[in-house]
Protein backbone atom coordinates (compact mmCIF):
# COMPACT_ATOMS: atom_id res chain seq x y z
CA UNK A 1 54.86 -25.46 -13.00
CA UNK A 2 51.66 -27.47 -13.29
CA UNK A 3 48.33 -25.65 -13.12
CA UNK A 4 46.27 -28.79 -13.55
CA UNK A 5 43.69 -28.88 -10.71
CA UNK A 6 44.27 -31.49 -8.06
CA UNK A 7 41.65 -34.10 -7.21
CA UNK A 8 40.85 -32.14 -4.07
CA UNK A 9 40.40 -28.93 -6.05
CA UNK A 10 38.03 -30.64 -8.48
CA UNK A 11 36.00 -31.90 -5.55
CA UNK A 12 36.00 -28.39 -4.04
CA UNK A 13 34.74 -26.86 -7.29
CA UNK A 14 32.00 -29.46 -7.64
CA UNK A 15 30.87 -28.97 -4.05
CA UNK A 16 30.68 -25.16 -4.36
CA UNK A 17 28.81 -25.48 -7.66
CA UNK A 18 26.27 -27.79 -5.99
CA UNK A 19 25.95 -25.37 -3.08
CA UNK A 20 25.19 -22.45 -5.39
CA UNK A 21 22.72 -24.48 -7.44
CA UNK A 22 20.88 -25.39 -4.27
CA UNK A 23 20.86 -21.96 -2.62
CA UNK A 24 20.79 -19.46 -5.49
CA UNK A 25 17.95 -20.22 -7.85
CA UNK A 26 17.78 -17.76 -10.78
CA UNK A 27 14.45 -16.25 -9.73
CA UNK A 28 15.74 -15.70 -6.19
CA UNK A 29 18.93 -14.02 -7.45
CA UNK A 30 16.88 -11.72 -9.68
CA UNK A 31 14.69 -10.78 -6.73
CA UNK A 32 17.70 -10.11 -4.49
CA UNK A 33 19.19 -7.95 -7.22
CA UNK A 34 15.93 -6.05 -7.64
CA UNK A 35 15.46 -5.55 -3.90
CA UNK A 36 19.09 -4.87 -3.04
CA UNK A 37 19.28 -7.76 -0.58
CA UNK A 38 21.92 -10.25 0.47
CA UNK A 39 19.79 -12.70 2.49
CA UNK A 40 21.10 -13.62 5.91
CA UNK A 41 20.00 -17.20 5.32
CA UNK A 42 22.47 -17.44 2.42
CA UNK A 43 25.31 -16.00 4.49
CA UNK A 44 24.52 -18.51 7.22
CA UNK A 45 24.56 -21.35 4.71
CA UNK A 46 27.92 -20.14 3.33
CA UNK A 47 29.30 -20.12 6.87
CA UNK A 48 27.96 -23.62 7.58
CA UNK A 49 29.66 -24.78 4.38
CA UNK A 50 32.95 -23.41 5.73
CA UNK A 51 33.64 -20.71 3.14
CA UNK A 52 34.43 -17.82 5.54
CA UNK A 53 36.65 -20.18 7.56
CA UNK A 54 38.81 -20.71 4.46
CA UNK A 55 39.78 -17.03 4.68
CA UNK A 56 40.77 -17.07 8.38
CA UNK A 57 44.13 -18.45 9.63
CA UNK A 58 44.06 -21.80 11.40
CA UNK A 59 45.33 -20.24 14.63
CA UNK A 60 42.03 -18.38 14.96
CA UNK A 61 39.57 -21.12 14.09
CA UNK A 62 39.82 -20.98 10.30
CA UNK A 63 41.44 -23.11 7.62
CA UNK A 64 43.93 -20.64 6.14
CA UNK A 65 43.35 -22.02 2.65
CA UNK A 66 45.85 -21.25 -0.13
CA UNK A 67 44.92 -18.69 -2.76
CA UNK A 68 44.78 -21.42 -5.40
CA UNK A 69 41.86 -22.98 -3.52
CA UNK A 70 40.24 -19.65 -2.69
CA UNK A 71 40.02 -18.54 -6.32
CA UNK A 72 38.02 -21.68 -7.10
CA UNK A 73 35.49 -20.75 -4.44
CA UNK A 74 35.33 -17.12 -5.57
CA UNK A 75 34.77 -18.13 -9.19
CA UNK A 76 31.94 -20.53 -8.38
CA UNK A 77 30.25 -18.14 -5.94
CA UNK A 78 30.38 -15.36 -8.56
CA UNK A 79 28.64 -17.33 -11.30
CA UNK A 80 25.07 -16.39 -10.27
CA UNK A 81 26.22 -12.90 -9.24
CA UNK A 82 29.63 -11.40 -8.58
CA UNK A 83 28.26 -10.03 -5.30
CA UNK A 84 28.14 -13.47 -3.66
CA UNK A 85 31.90 -13.73 -4.09
CA UNK A 86 32.29 -10.10 -3.02
CA UNK A 87 30.76 -10.89 0.38
CA UNK A 88 33.40 -13.57 0.95
CA UNK A 89 36.20 -11.41 -0.47
CA UNK A 90 35.41 -8.63 1.99
CA UNK A 91 35.74 -11.12 4.82
CA UNK A 92 39.02 -12.40 3.40
CA UNK A 93 40.63 -8.97 3.03
CA UNK A 94 39.58 -7.96 6.52
CA UNK A 95 40.73 -11.22 8.06
CA UNK A 96 44.19 -10.98 6.53
CA UNK A 97 44.67 -7.39 7.71
CA UNK A 98 43.62 -8.33 11.24
CA UNK A 99 45.68 -11.53 11.26
CA UNK A 100 48.83 -9.72 10.15
CA UNK A 101 48.62 -6.48 12.10
CA UNK A 102 46.02 -6.42 14.90
CA UNK A 103 46.86 -7.02 18.53
CA UNK A 104 46.55 -10.59 19.76
CA UNK A 105 43.65 -9.50 21.94
CA UNK A 106 41.77 -8.16 18.93
CA UNK A 107 42.53 -11.21 16.80
CA UNK A 108 41.17 -13.52 19.48
CA UNK A 109 38.08 -11.36 19.87
CA UNK A 110 37.18 -11.02 16.19
CA UNK A 111 38.61 -13.74 13.96
CA UNK A 112 36.99 -16.85 15.51
CA UNK A 113 33.58 -15.15 15.11
CA UNK A 114 34.39 -14.38 11.47
CA UNK A 115 35.33 -18.00 10.83
CA UNK A 116 31.98 -19.23 12.18
CA UNK A 117 30.02 -16.64 10.19
CA UNK A 118 28.75 -14.82 13.28
CA UNK A 119 30.58 -11.65 12.27
CA UNK A 120 31.18 -10.05 8.89
CA UNK A 121 33.93 -7.65 7.83
CA UNK A 122 34.09 -4.89 5.25
CA UNK A 123 36.65 -2.27 4.28
CA UNK A 124 36.25 1.48 3.83
CA UNK A 125 38.94 3.61 2.19
CA UNK A 126 37.49 5.74 -0.62
CA UNK A 127 36.08 9.21 0.10
CA UNK A 128 34.26 11.82 -2.01
CA UNK A 129 37.57 13.55 -2.80
CA UNK A 130 39.96 10.57 -2.68
CA UNK A 131 39.53 7.74 -5.14
CA UNK A 132 42.58 6.60 -7.08
CA UNK A 133 44.58 8.97 -4.87
CA UNK A 134 43.35 7.02 -1.85
CA UNK A 135 46.05 8.26 0.53
CA UNK A 136 44.68 11.80 0.31
CA UNK A 137 41.76 10.76 2.54
CA UNK A 138 40.47 13.35 5.01
CA UNK A 139 38.48 11.33 7.56
CA UNK A 140 40.12 12.14 10.90
CA UNK A 141 40.68 10.15 14.07
CA UNK A 142 41.83 11.67 17.35
CA UNK A 143 42.50 10.03 20.67
CA UNK A 144 40.31 11.05 23.58
CA UNK A 145 41.01 9.18 26.80
CA UNK A 146 40.40 5.47 26.22
CA UNK A 147 38.65 6.07 22.89
CA UNK A 148 39.41 7.07 19.35
CA UNK A 149 36.97 9.58 17.85
CA UNK A 150 36.33 9.48 14.08
CA UNK A 151 34.92 12.30 11.97
CA UNK A 152 34.45 12.36 8.21
CA UNK A 153 32.82 10.59 5.28
CA UNK A 154 33.48 7.46 3.24
CA UNK A 155 32.05 6.58 -0.18
CA UNK A 156 31.55 3.44 -2.31
CA UNK A 157 32.03 1.12 0.67
CA UNK A 158 30.89 -2.37 -0.29
CA UNK A 159 28.62 -4.20 2.13
CA UNK A 160 29.12 -1.82 5.05
CA UNK A 161 25.42 -1.97 5.99
CA UNK A 162 25.26 -5.77 6.42
CA UNK A 163 23.92 -7.20 9.66
CA UNK A 164 26.61 -7.99 12.27
CA UNK A 165 29.29 -6.22 10.25
CA UNK A 166 32.45 -4.48 11.41
CA UNK A 167 34.11 -1.95 9.11
CA UNK A 168 37.87 -1.56 8.79
CA UNK A 169 38.18 2.21 8.38
CA UNK A 170 41.22 4.16 7.20
CA UNK A 171 41.50 7.53 8.92
CA UNK A 172 44.09 10.29 9.18
CA UNK A 173 45.70 10.41 12.61
CA UNK A 174 48.56 12.81 11.87
CA UNK A 175 47.85 15.56 9.33
CA UNK A 176 51.31 17.11 9.87
CA UNK A 177 53.23 14.41 7.98
CA UNK A 178 53.12 13.25 4.37
CA UNK A 179 49.81 11.74 3.32
CA UNK A 180 51.06 8.15 3.28
CA UNK A 181 52.60 8.34 6.75
CA UNK A 182 49.72 9.71 8.82
CA UNK A 183 47.01 7.06 8.27
CA UNK A 184 45.75 4.49 10.76
CA UNK A 185 43.21 1.65 10.56
CA UNK A 186 40.32 1.17 12.96
CA UNK A 187 37.69 -1.49 13.47
CA UNK A 188 34.22 0.10 13.71
CA UNK A 189 31.02 -1.90 14.41
CA UNK A 190 28.40 -0.65 11.96
CA UNK A 191 25.84 -0.10 14.72
CA UNK A 192 28.09 2.33 16.65
CA UNK A 193 26.31 5.52 17.81
CA UNK A 194 26.75 8.59 15.54
CA UNK A 195 27.59 6.37 12.57
CA UNK A 196 25.23 6.75 9.60
CA UNK A 197 25.28 4.38 6.62
CA UNK A 198 23.27 5.05 3.50
CA UNK A 199 22.99 2.62 0.61
CA UNK A 200 23.69 4.21 -2.77
CA UNK A 201 21.45 3.83 -5.81
CA UNK A 202 23.71 2.13 -8.33
CA UNK A 203 23.49 0.64 -11.81
CA UNK A 204 24.79 -2.76 -10.66
CA UNK A 205 26.30 -4.59 -7.71
CA UNK A 206 22.97 -4.28 -5.93
CA UNK A 207 23.00 -7.47 -3.83
CA UNK A 208 25.90 -6.57 -1.53
CA UNK A 209 25.50 -2.90 -2.39
CA UNK A 210 27.66 0.20 -2.21
CA UNK A 211 27.24 2.66 0.64
CA UNK A 212 28.33 6.04 1.89
CA UNK A 213 29.22 6.38 5.56
CA UNK A 214 29.14 9.45 7.81
CA UNK A 215 31.21 9.61 11.00
CA UNK A 216 29.98 12.28 13.42
CA UNK A 217 32.28 12.04 16.42
CA UNK A 218 32.09 8.25 16.35
CA UNK A 219 33.78 6.71 19.37
CA UNK A 220 35.54 3.33 19.32
CA UNK A 221 37.63 1.82 22.13
CA UNK A 222 41.37 2.18 21.77
CA UNK A 223 41.76 -1.60 21.40
CA UNK A 224 40.03 -1.23 18.01
CA UNK A 225 43.09 0.48 16.59
CA UNK A 226 44.60 -2.07 14.17
CA UNK A 227 48.35 -2.31 14.66
CA UNK A 228 50.33 0.84 15.25
CA UNK A 229 49.30 4.46 14.88
CA UNK A 230 50.18 6.01 11.50
CA UNK A 231 51.12 2.67 9.91
CA UNK A 232 47.77 2.08 8.20
CA UNK A 233 48.89 2.78 4.65
CA UNK A 234 51.56 0.08 4.80
CA UNK A 235 48.90 -2.32 6.12
CA UNK A 236 46.56 -1.49 3.23
CA UNK A 237 49.19 -1.92 0.52
CA UNK A 238 50.41 -5.23 2.00
CA UNK A 239 47.29 -6.99 0.75
CA UNK A 240 46.73 -5.31 -2.62
CA UNK A 241 48.11 -8.33 -4.48
CA UNK A 242 45.63 -10.61 -2.72
CA UNK A 243 42.78 -8.20 -3.45
CA UNK A 244 43.57 -7.99 -7.16
CA UNK A 245 43.84 -11.75 -7.62
CA UNK A 246 40.58 -12.21 -5.74
CA UNK A 247 38.79 -9.67 -7.91
CA UNK A 248 40.07 -11.39 -11.05
CA UNK A 249 38.60 -14.69 -9.82
CA UNK A 250 35.28 -12.97 -9.04
CA UNK A 251 35.05 -11.48 -12.52
CA UNK A 252 36.06 -14.78 -14.11
CA UNK A 253 33.03 -16.43 -12.52
CA UNK A 254 30.67 -13.80 -13.86
CA UNK A 255 32.19 -13.98 -17.35
CA UNK A 256 31.91 -17.77 -17.36
CA UNK A 257 28.17 -17.50 -16.73
CA UNK A 258 27.78 -14.85 -19.43
CA UNK A 259 29.51 -17.16 -21.93
CA UNK A 260 27.40 -20.15 -20.88
CA UNK A 261 24.15 -18.21 -21.23
CA UNK A 262 25.16 -16.81 -24.63
CA UNK A 263 26.03 -20.28 -25.97
CA UNK A 264 22.76 -21.73 -24.66
CA UNK A 265 20.70 -18.95 -26.21
CA UNK A 266 22.53 -19.14 -29.56
CA UNK A 267 21.87 -22.88 -29.66
CA UNK A 268 18.13 -22.48 -29.01
CA UNK A 269 17.17 -19.24 -30.75
CA UNK A 270 15.93 -19.89 -34.30
CA UNK A 271 16.11 -17.30 -37.07
CA UNK A 272 15.99 -17.85 -40.84
CA UNK A 273 15.31 -21.52 -40.23
CA UNK A 274 18.30 -22.39 -38.06
CA UNK A 275 19.85 -21.70 -34.62
CA UNK A 276 21.58 -18.33 -34.66
CA UNK A 277 24.76 -19.98 -33.37
CA UNK A 278 25.18 -21.57 -36.80
CA UNK A 279 25.64 -18.16 -38.40
CA UNK A 280 29.33 -17.38 -38.64
CA UNK A 281 28.94 -13.88 -37.24
CA UNK A 282 27.46 -15.28 -33.99
CA UNK A 283 29.72 -18.34 -33.87
CA UNK A 284 32.80 -16.13 -34.08
CA UNK A 285 31.52 -13.87 -31.30
CA UNK A 286 31.10 -16.93 -29.09
CA UNK A 287 34.56 -18.18 -30.05
CA UNK A 288 36.06 -14.82 -29.08
CA UNK A 289 34.18 -14.85 -25.78
CA UNK A 290 35.40 -18.38 -24.97
CA UNK A 291 38.99 -17.49 -25.84
CA UNK A 292 38.91 -14.43 -23.58
CA UNK A 293 37.47 -16.41 -20.68
CA UNK A 294 40.11 -19.13 -21.06
CA UNK A 295 42.94 -16.57 -21.18
CA UNK A 296 41.51 -14.94 -18.05
CA UNK A 297 41.46 -18.28 -16.25
CA UNK A 298 45.14 -18.90 -16.90
CA UNK A 299 46.36 -15.44 -15.96
CA UNK A 300 44.37 -15.62 -12.71
CA UNK A 301 45.62 -19.13 -11.92
CA UNK A 302 49.21 -18.10 -12.59
CA UNK A 303 48.97 -15.06 -10.32
CA UNK A 304 47.43 -17.17 -7.52
CA UNK A 305 50.17 -19.79 -7.92
CA UNK A 306 52.89 -17.16 -7.60
CA UNK A 307 51.16 -15.75 -4.53
CA UNK A 308 51.06 -19.18 -2.87
CA UNK A 309 54.70 -19.81 -3.77
CA UNK A 310 55.62 -16.47 -2.16
CA UNK A 311 57.10 -15.31 -5.44
CA UNK A 312 56.94 -11.64 -6.48
CA UNK A 313 53.52 -11.14 -8.04
CA UNK A 314 52.70 -7.43 -7.93
CA UNK A 315 52.92 -7.20 -11.71
CA UNK A 316 51.03 -10.44 -12.30
CA UNK A 317 48.27 -9.51 -9.84
CA UNK A 318 47.75 -6.15 -11.55
CA UNK A 319 47.79 -7.84 -14.96
CA UNK A 320 45.15 -10.32 -13.79
CA UNK A 321 42.93 -7.59 -12.36
CA UNK A 322 43.34 -5.43 -15.48
CA UNK A 323 42.78 -8.16 -18.05
CA UNK A 324 39.94 -10.01 -16.35
CA UNK A 325 37.99 -6.87 -15.45
CA UNK A 326 38.19 -5.56 -19.01
CA UNK A 327 37.50 -9.03 -20.38
CA UNK A 328 34.28 -9.13 -18.34
CA UNK A 329 33.17 -5.89 -19.95
CA UNK A 330 33.87 -7.20 -23.45
CA UNK A 331 32.29 -10.61 -22.87
CA UNK A 332 29.10 -9.25 -21.31
CA UNK A 333 28.76 -6.67 -24.07
CA UNK A 334 29.02 -9.39 -26.70
CA UNK A 335 26.61 -11.50 -24.66
CA UNK A 336 24.09 -8.66 -24.71
CA UNK A 337 24.42 -8.52 -28.49
CA UNK A 338 23.95 -12.28 -28.90
CA UNK A 339 20.75 -12.25 -26.84
CA UNK A 340 19.51 -9.13 -28.60
CA UNK A 341 16.28 -7.70 -27.24
CA UNK A 342 15.92 -10.49 -24.70
CA UNK A 343 19.15 -9.36 -23.02
CA UNK A 344 17.51 -6.03 -22.25
CA UNK A 345 14.90 -7.67 -20.04
CA UNK A 346 15.26 -8.90 -16.48
CA UNK A 347 13.95 -12.31 -17.56
CA UNK A 348 17.55 -13.06 -18.54
CA UNK A 349 20.66 -12.73 -16.38
CA UNK A 350 22.91 -11.23 -19.05
CA UNK A 351 21.83 -7.70 -18.20
CA UNK A 352 22.88 -8.21 -14.57
CA UNK A 353 26.32 -9.50 -15.52
CA UNK A 354 26.63 -6.55 -17.92
CA UNK A 355 25.58 -4.03 -15.26
CA UNK A 356 27.88 -5.51 -12.66
CA UNK A 357 30.77 -5.44 -15.14
CA UNK A 358 30.64 -1.65 -15.24
CA UNK A 359 32.14 -1.59 -11.74
CA UNK A 360 34.92 -4.04 -12.52
CA UNK A 361 37.29 -1.62 -14.26
CA UNK A 362 36.85 1.00 -11.52
CA UNK A 363 36.48 -0.72 -8.13
CA UNK A 364 39.59 -2.14 -6.47
CA UNK A 365 41.87 0.06 -8.56
CA UNK A 366 40.95 1.41 -11.98
CA UNK A 367 42.30 -0.02 -15.20
CA UNK A 368 44.38 3.12 -15.60
CA UNK A 369 45.97 2.63 -12.18
CA UNK A 370 46.70 -1.04 -12.97
CA UNK A 371 48.42 -0.06 -16.21
CA UNK A 372 50.57 2.48 -14.33
CA UNK A 373 51.54 -0.15 -11.77
CA UNK A 374 52.44 -2.67 -14.46
CA UNK A 375 54.52 -0.07 -16.28
CA UNK A 376 56.33 0.75 -13.04
CA UNK A 377 57.13 -2.96 -12.55
CA UNK A 378 58.55 -2.95 -16.10
CA UNK A 379 60.89 -0.16 -15.06
CA UNK A 380 59.35 2.65 -17.10
């Protein structure tokens, strides 16, 4: 196997880096983080650049790009803030679920609009009493004539409140069977009557944001059922490998920026008559950070390669998600230490990477769950 980037991939990385430099100035990103805002102008620019189209199959107006290309885009988008990559990842996960399982009518209705950026997608699974045990969800859906009626509550739903967004919602449609067998997926426009979305006050991840959602007899047309009734859990688990590789690429981008900022600061900050990077204690911290980032890059690249080759990659995807998420926590913590008191101010970006990292080992499957999955793949 050869993981050396192709000429086309190098061009892709350079173009995304230029895009982010032109559209995400540091002061703007800090303001969006402070205000909890993902500007629509940025989403429109991302769509014009073709990034959402990469996540949509060619048959529905997209490009259907391989994972090895997608992780490059995720990494570069995440460098100013992991939330920029999160917006695209939400679209990708939703597009793949729809492309694989929705009716042809629904695919033709939704996916071309996603590819052009006119419609966003998000996903809502977690509830107040179902986190790692996601299949124990209690949100209900019942059929009533030509509609499905949803009642319940969701929690920690990323980006559900975005303009022109449709939420893929997991709901229980048959409480009489085992928890994994009675779940269905529905597409719910976020401006549907009787649907209430409230943004949560969080430590990090403020640009896309986390929300809680209340369904009070929310009606959606029956065509918004995704696939077959009671098959939703199999649809969710089908794309977990893709989700975990994507998250690893997102976190890699954030960690790369944390390392870059720490090296720059250590090269400029003078103490005791010399740059602090010349002190062995700081130099070794930077060396450890760089080594962790490089290891994360290779484990993510390997998992994406296996995914594209259609090789088994459940173990590798969980390893990538586990290692890179925990690496981000370690690297940003060391970065905070290198910058010292300056890191504790919003004049520097390290604090944002550090705050966002606190979600990485929890969201998308906790580190403990990833370790259990890896152990299962090992046969123990």
